[in-house]
C-alpha atoms as a PDB file:
ATOM      1  CA  MET A   1      82.566 114.509 115.796  1.00  0.00           C
ATOM      2  CA  SER A   2      82.820 118.193 114.897  1.00  0.00           C
ATOM      3  CA  PRO A   3      80.714 120.774 113.076  1.00  0.00           C
ATOM      4  CA  GLY A   4      78.585 120.292 110.037  1.00  0.00           C
ATOM      5  CA  THR A   5      75.672 118.212 108.819  1.00  0.00           C
ATOM      6  CA  ALA A   6      75.422 114.438 108.958  1.00  0.00           C
ATOM      7  CA  PRO A   7      77.672 112.579 106.500  1.00  0.00           C
ATOM      8  CA  PRO A   8      76.082 111.144 103.332  1.00  0.00           C
ATOM      9  CA  GLN A   9      74.979 107.516 103.174  1.00  0.00           C
ATOM     10  CA  GLY A  10      76.602 106.896  99.778  1.00  0.00           C
ATOM     11  CA  THR A  11      79.840 105.181  98.862  1.00  0.00           C
ATOM     12  CA  LEU A  12      83.099 105.432 100.784  1.00  0.00           C
ATOM     13  CA  SER A  13      84.404 107.929  98.218  1.00  0.00           C
ATOM     14  CA  ASP A  14      81.298 110.081  98.813  1.00  0.00           C
ATOM     15  CA  VAL A  15      81.893 110.114 102.580  1.00  0.00           C
ATOM     16  CA  LEU A  16      85.588 110.950 102.268  1.00  0.00           C
ATOM     17  CA  GLN A  17      84.863 113.733  99.784  1.00  0.00           C
ATOM     18  CA  TRP A  18      82.202 115.145 102.110  1.00  0.00           C
ATOM     19  CA  LEU A  19      84.609 115.175 105.041  1.00  0.00           C
ATOM     20  CA  ALA A  20      87.376 116.699 102.902  1.00  0.00           C
ATOM     21  CA  HIS A  21      85.116 119.600 101.868  1.00  0.00           C
ATOM     22  CA  GLU A  22      83.116 120.117 105.073  1.00  0.00           C
ATOM     23  CA  PRO A  23      83.597 123.707 106.288  1.00  0.00           C
ATOM     24  CA  GLY A  24      84.513 124.579 109.849  1.00  0.00           C
ATOM     25  CA  ARG A  25      87.141 121.896 110.425  1.00  0.00           C
ATOM     26  CA  GLU A  26      90.771 122.747 111.079  1.00  0.00           C
ATOM     27  CA  ARG A  27      92.024 119.218 111.685  1.00  0.00           C
ATOM     28  CA  ILE A  28      90.803 115.659 111.097  1.00  0.00           C
ATOM     29  CA  THR A  29      91.467 113.107 113.833  1.00  0.00           C
ATOM     30  CA  MET A  30      91.366 109.329 113.594  1.00  0.00           C
ATOM     31  CA  ARG A  31      88.362 109.495 115.930  1.00  0.00           C
ATOM     32  CA  ASP A  32      86.574 111.748 113.417  1.00  0.00           C
ATOM     33  CA  LEU A  33      87.075 109.118 110.727  1.00  0.00           C
ATOM     34  CA  ILE A  34      85.721 106.325 112.934  1.00  0.00           C
ATOM     35  CA  ASP A  35      82.675 108.414 113.882  1.00  0.00           C
ATOM     36  CA  VAL A  36      81.899 109.497 110.325  1.00  0.00           C
ATOM     37  CA  LEU A  37      82.360 106.050 108.775  1.00  0.00           C
ATOM     38  CA  GLY A  38      80.212 104.257 111.364  1.00  0.00           C
ATOM     39  CA  ASP A  39      79.631 100.559 110.644  1.00  0.00           C
ATOM     40  CA  ARG A  40      81.951 100.744 107.639  1.00  0.00           C
ATOM     41  CA  ALA A  41      84.828 102.144 109.683  1.00  0.00           C
ATOM     42  CA  LEU A  42      86.946  98.997 109.944  1.00  0.00           C
ATOM     43  CA  GLY A  43      87.197  98.170 106.243  1.00  0.00           C
ATOM     44  CA  ALA A  44      87.217 101.835 105.246  1.00  0.00           C
ATOM     45  CA  LEU A  45      90.046 102.767 107.620  1.00  0.00           C
ATOM     46  CA  MET A  46      92.095  99.791 106.477  1.00  0.00           C
ATOM     47  CA  PHE A  47      91.762 101.017 102.900  1.00  0.00           C
ATOM     48  CA  PHE A  48      92.490 104.616 103.951  1.00  0.00           C
ATOM     49  CA  PHE A  49      95.742 103.650 105.695  1.00  0.00           C
ATOM     50  CA  ALA A  50      96.837 101.048 103.135  1.00  0.00           C
ATOM     51  CA  PHE A  51      96.230 102.615  99.746  1.00  0.00           C
ATOM     52  CA  PRO A  52      98.473 105.706 100.104  1.00  0.00           C
ATOM     53  CA  ASN A  53     101.404 103.267 100.236  1.00  0.00           C
ATOM     54  CA  VAL A  54     100.584 102.201  96.683  1.00  0.00           C
ATOM     55  CA  LEU A  55     101.164 105.785  95.512  1.00  0.00           C
ATOM     56  CA  PRO A  56     104.528 107.608  95.511  1.00  0.00           C
ATOM     57  CA  MET A  57     105.076 108.754  99.099  1.00  0.00           C
ATOM     58  CA  PRO A  58     108.033 110.120 101.122  1.00  0.00           C
ATOM     59  CA  PRO A  59     110.263 107.523 102.846  1.00  0.00           C
ATOM     60  CA  GLY A  60     108.963 106.376 106.222  1.00  0.00           C
ATOM     61  CA  VAL A  61     105.263 106.867 105.419  1.00  0.00           C
ATOM     62  CA  SER A  62     104.636 103.119 105.266  1.00  0.00           C
ATOM     63  CA  ALA A  63     105.867 102.673 108.841  1.00  0.00           C
ATOM     64  CA  VAL A  64     103.590 105.474 110.089  1.00  0.00           C
ATOM     65  CA  LEU A  65     100.503 104.217 108.262  1.00  0.00           C
ATOM     66  CA  GLY A  66     101.291 100.573 108.945  1.00  0.00           C
ATOM     67  CA  THR A  67     100.937 100.877 112.732  1.00  0.00           C
ATOM     68  CA  PRO A  68      97.178 101.654 112.754  1.00  0.00           C
ATOM     69  CA  LEU A  69      96.716  98.892 110.173  1.00  0.00           C
ATOM     70  CA  VAL A  70      98.132  96.363 112.628  1.00  0.00           C
ATOM     71  CA  PHE A  71      95.556  97.394 115.273  1.00  0.00           C
ATOM     72  CA  LEU A  72      92.694  97.320 112.760  1.00  0.00           C
ATOM     73  CA  ALA A  73      93.683  93.943 111.294  1.00  0.00           C
ATOM     74  CA  VAL A  74      93.770  92.381 114.777  1.00  0.00           C
ATOM     75  CA  GLN A  75      90.229  93.670 115.386  1.00  0.00           C
ATOM     76  CA  LEU A  76      89.033  92.266 112.057  1.00  0.00           C
ATOM     77  CA  MET A  77      90.620  88.932 112.939  1.00  0.00           C
ATOM     78  CA  CYS A  78      88.844  88.926 116.319  1.00  0.00           C
ATOM     79  CA  GLY A  79      85.490  90.200 115.028  1.00  0.00           C
ATOM     80  CA  ARG A  80      85.672  93.387 117.085  1.00  0.00           C
ATOM     81  CA  ARG A  81      84.348  96.862 116.335  1.00  0.00           C
ATOM     82  CA  PRO A  82      86.921  99.417 115.134  1.00  0.00           C
ATOM     83  CA  TRP A  83      88.938 100.918 117.970  1.00  0.00           C
ATOM     84  CA  LEU A  84      92.256 102.712 118.254  1.00  0.00           C
ATOM     85  CA  PRO A  85      94.215 103.532 121.437  1.00  0.00           C
ATOM     86  CA  ALA A  86      93.485 107.045 122.716  1.00  0.00           C
ATOM     87  CA  LEU A  87      96.939 108.286 121.752  1.00  0.00           C
ATOM     88  CA  MET A  88      96.421 107.068 118.190  1.00  0.00           C
ATOM     89  CA  ALA A  89      92.757 108.123 117.990  1.00  0.00           C
ATOM     90  CA  ARG A  90      93.733 111.713 118.870  1.00  0.00           C
ATOM     91  CA  ARG A  91      96.350 111.895 116.127  1.00  0.00           C
ATOM     92  CA  SER A  92      95.292 114.278 113.414  1.00  0.00           C
ATOM     93  CA  MET A  93      96.218 115.978 110.164  1.00  0.00           C
ATOM     94  CA  SER A  94      95.278 119.387 108.892  1.00  0.00           C
ATOM     95  CA  HIS A  95      92.051 119.620 106.917  1.00  0.00           C
ATOM     96  CA  ALA A  96      94.078 120.778 103.884  1.00  0.00           C
ATOM     97  CA  ASP A  97      96.416 117.747 104.058  1.00  0.00           C
ATOM     98  CA  PHE A  98      93.430 115.429 104.467  1.00  0.00           C
ATOM     99  CA  ALA A  99      91.731 116.985 101.437  1.00  0.00           C
ATOM    100  CA  LEU A 100      94.931 116.527  99.408  1.00  0.00           C
ATOM    101  CA  LEU A 101      95.168 112.875 100.421  1.00  0.00           C
ATOM    102  CA  VAL A 102      91.510 112.293  99.515  1.00  0.00           C
ATOM    103  CA  ARG A 103      92.067 113.907  96.105  1.00  0.00           C
ATOM    104  CA  ARG A 104      94.860 111.419  95.436  1.00  0.00           C
ATOM    105  CA  ILE A 105      92.887 108.412  96.651  1.00  0.00           C
ATOM    106  CA  ALA A 106      89.397 109.232  95.328  1.00  0.00           C
ATOM    107  CA  PRO A 107      89.882 108.552  91.573  1.00  0.00           C
ATOM    108  CA  TRP A 108      91.257 105.073  92.287  1.00  0.00           C
ATOM    109  CA  LEU A 109      88.614 104.402  94.911  1.00  0.00           C
ATOM    110  CA  ARG A 110      85.783 105.323  92.528  1.00  0.00           C
ATOM    111  CA  ARG A 111      87.167 102.955  89.894  1.00  0.00           C
ATOM    112  CA  GLY A 112      87.212 100.151  92.436  1.00  0.00           C
ATOM    113  CA  GLU A 113      83.691 100.942  93.655  1.00  0.00           C
ATOM    114  CA  ARG A 114      82.366 100.683  90.086  1.00  0.00           C
ATOM    115  CA  LEU A 115      83.874  97.215  89.711  1.00  0.00           C
ATOM    116  CA  LEU A 116      82.744  95.744  93.029  1.00  0.00           C
ATOM    117  CA  ARG A 117      79.316  94.277  93.779  1.00  0.00           C
ATOM    118  CA  PRO A 118      77.903  91.637  96.150  1.00  0.00           C
ATOM    119  CA  ARG A 119      78.828  88.125  94.922  1.00  0.00           C
ATOM    120  CA  LEU A 120      80.138  84.976  96.627  1.00  0.00           C
ATOM    121  CA  VAL A 121      79.083  86.863  99.748  1.00  0.00           C
ATOM    122  CA  TRP A 122      80.031  84.039 102.124  1.00  0.00           C
ATOM    123  CA  LEU A 123      83.710  84.759 101.391  1.00  0.00           C
ATOM    124  CA  SER A 124      83.335  88.224 102.931  1.00  0.00           C
ATOM    125  CA  GLN A 125      81.512  87.166 106.114  1.00  0.00           C
ATOM    126  CA  PRO A 126      82.525  85.366 109.325  1.00  0.00           C
ATOM    127  CA  PRO A 127      84.270  83.010 109.789  1.00  0.00           C
ATOM    128  CA  VAL A 128      86.167  83.683 106.543  1.00  0.00           C
ATOM    129  CA  GLU A 129      86.321  87.362 107.522  1.00  0.00           C
ATOM    130  CA  TYR A 130      88.417  86.446 110.563  1.00  0.00           C
ATOM    131  CA  LEU A 131      90.888  84.573 108.342  1.00  0.00           C
ATOM    132  CA  LEU A 132      91.121  87.679 106.130  1.00  0.00           C
ATOM    133  CA  GLY A 133      91.947  89.660 109.268  1.00  0.00           C
ATOM    134  CA  ALA A 134      94.896  87.334 109.921  1.00  0.00           C
ATOM    135  CA  VAL A 135      96.085  87.766 106.323  1.00  0.00           C
ATOM    136  CA  CYS A 136      95.802  91.556 106.612  1.00  0.00           C
ATOM    137  CA  LEU A 137      97.705  91.460 109.913  1.00  0.00           C
ATOM    138  CA  LEU A 138     100.616  89.635 108.250  1.00  0.00           C
ATOM    139  CA  LEU A 139     100.572  92.120 105.367  1.00  0.00           C
ATOM    140  CA  ALA A 140     100.401  95.090 107.759  1.00  0.00           C
ATOM    141  CA  LEU A 141     103.450  93.838 109.651  1.00  0.00           C
ATOM    142  CA  VAL A 142     105.317  93.493 106.344  1.00  0.00           C
ATOM    143  CA  LEU A 143     104.137  96.970 105.337  1.00  0.00           C
ATOM    144  CA  ALA A 144     105.618  98.475 108.493  1.00  0.00           C
ATOM    145  CA  LEU A 145     109.087  97.104 107.656  1.00  0.00           C
ATOM    146  CA  PRO A 146     111.567  99.547 106.066  1.00  0.00           C
ATOM    147  CA  ILE A 147     111.927  97.557 102.825  1.00  0.00           C
ATOM    148  CA  PRO A 148     112.576  99.665  99.705  1.00  0.00           C
ATOM    149  CA  LEU A 149     109.633  99.222  97.287  1.00  0.00           C
ATOM    150  CA  GLY A 150     108.471  96.338  99.480  1.00  0.00           C
ATOM    151  CA  ASN A 151     105.298  98.074 100.597  1.00  0.00           C
ATOM    152  CA  VAL A 152     103.431  98.444  97.293  1.00  0.00           C
ATOM    153  CA  LEU A 153     102.135  94.888  96.834  1.00  0.00           C
ATOM    154  CA  PRO A 154     101.165  94.324 100.519  1.00  0.00           C
ATOM    155  CA  ALA A 155      99.391  97.707 100.549  1.00  0.00           C
ATOM    156  CA  LEU A 156      97.537  96.906  97.324  1.00  0.00           C
ATOM    157  CA  ALA A 157      96.494  93.500  98.675  1.00  0.00           C
ATOM    158  CA  ILE A 158      95.127  95.048 101.900  1.00  0.00           C
ATOM    159  CA  SER A 159      93.315  97.692  99.825  1.00  0.00           C
ATOM    160  CA  MET A 160      91.664  95.034  97.664  1.00  0.00           C
ATOM    161  CA  LEU A 161      90.629  92.919 100.652  1.00  0.00           C
ATOM    162  CA  SER A 162      89.240  95.887 102.583  1.00  0.00           C
ATOM    163  CA  LEU A 163      87.154  97.066  99.606  1.00  0.00           C
ATOM    164  CA  ALA A 164      85.975  93.503  99.019  1.00  0.00           C
ATOM    165  CA  LEU A 165      84.767  93.317 102.627  1.00  0.00           C
ATOM    166  CA  LEU A 166      83.043  96.705 102.340  1.00  0.00           C
ATOM    167  CA  GLN A 167      81.158  95.671  99.200  1.00  0.00           C
ATOM    168  CA  ARG A 168      80.741  91.986 100.182  1.00  0.00           C
ATOM    169  CA  ASP A 169      82.462  90.945  96.963  1.00  0.00           C
ATOM    170  CA  GLY A 170      83.846  87.433  97.390  1.00  0.00           C
ATOM    171  CA  LEU A 171      85.402  87.432  93.922  1.00  0.00           C
ATOM    172  CA  TRP A 172      87.614  90.366  94.915  1.00  0.00           C
ATOM    173  CA  VAL A 173      88.424  88.541  98.144  1.00  0.00           C
ATOM    174  CA  LEU A 174      89.929  85.796  95.979  1.00  0.00           C
ATOM    175  CA  TYR A 175      91.848  88.365  93.924  1.00  0.00           C
ATOM    176  CA  GLY A 176      93.126  89.969  97.122  1.00  0.00           C
ATOM    177  CA  LEU A 177      94.214  86.621  98.563  1.00  0.00           C
ATOM    178  CA  ALA A 178      96.053  85.742  95.359  1.00  0.00           C
ATOM    179  CA  LEU A 179      97.849  89.083  95.448  1.00  0.00           C
ATOM    180  CA  SER A 180      98.656  88.513  99.139  1.00  0.00           C
ATOM    181  CA  VAL A 181     100.469  85.287  98.242  1.00  0.00           C
ATOM    182  CA  VAL A 182     102.416  87.075  95.514  1.00  0.00           C
ATOM    183  CA  ALA A 183     103.229  90.010  97.828  1.00  0.00           C
ATOM    184  CA  THR A 184     104.459  87.713 100.607  1.00  0.00           C
ATOM    185  CA  GLY A 185     106.625  85.783  98.148  1.00  0.00           C
ATOM    186  CA  VAL A 186     108.147  88.923  96.648  1.00  0.00           C
ATOM    187  CA  VAL A 187     108.898  90.534 100.018  1.00  0.00           C
ATOM    188  CA  SER A 188     110.317  87.260 101.358  1.00  0.00           C
ATOM    189  CA  GLY A 189     112.592  87.109  98.322  1.00  0.00           C
ATOM    190  CA  VAL A 190     113.763  90.675  98.896  1.00  0.00           C
ATOM    191  CA  ILE A 191     114.495  89.986 102.570  1.00  0.00           C
ATOM    192  CA  LEU A 192     116.326  86.745 101.724  1.00  0.00           C
ATOM    193  CA  ALA A 193     118.417  88.499  99.069  1.00  0.00           C
ATOM    194  CA  ALA A 194     119.276  91.282 101.541  1.00  0.00           C
ATOM    195  CA  VAL A 195     120.331  88.765 104.200  1.00  0.00           C
ATOM    196  CA  LYS A 196     122.510  86.895 101.684  1.00  0.00           C
ATOM    197  CA  ALA A 197     124.094  90.165 100.583  1.00  0.00           C
ATOM    198  CA  LEU A 198     124.885  91.084 104.197  1.00  0.00           C
ATOM    199  CA  VAL A 199     126.366  87.644 104.888  1.00  0.00           C
ATOM    200  CA  PHE A 200     128.478  87.863 101.733  1.00  0.00           C
ATOM    201  CA  ALA A 201     129.666  91.388 102.631  1.00  0.00           C
ATOM    202  CA  ALA A 202     130.520  90.283 106.164  1.00  0.00           C
ATOM    203  CA  SER A 203     132.464  87.276 104.850  1.00  0.00           C
ATOM    204  CA  ARG A 204     134.527  89.565 102.596  1.00  0.00           C
ATOM    205  CA  LEU A 205     135.192  92.099 105.345  1.00  0.00           C
ATOM    206  CA  PHE A 206     136.004  89.493 107.988  1.00  0.00           C
ATOM    207  CA  PRO A 207     137.499  86.498 106.115  1.00  0.00           C
END
């Protein structure tokens, strides 16, 4: 981790805002995020990579952000500490771009943090936590697919589940699981419709 004082012990939005405004940094690496977030890194990074896909983003962003999500979801499923391959951990963005991303995420994150609180805690702990990792892995794989408008619901479901795990809120785990079912159904429908359209087009071109 680079220059500056120790990060605050407040909410996730507090930590991200601190990192976005800390002087002396030119770039923010994935390793910086893991170091700063500490024990909260797994759930926090999953939210950080998932939620931007809910917002309007340039084409191809979901595939870029979806790859780290796959690694993180596998670790959640296996009960491992957060880890990224060296090549991925060294990837970085400029401090200015990071600050811009945090500004877009922070208002939504604060709203979520005000709603969440510890309840039905057993739904956010092992072994249920490992099952949630498997659900997030499926959603992350869907998120990485180049499906037009097919990334919003999976990204929102991962965001809800990751925040629920951070705050140990089992009620939000249930909300996130319900949204995961809806997201999987919608994306499956889109894929099925696309396949049918391709088959129909092929049958017309090659009767």
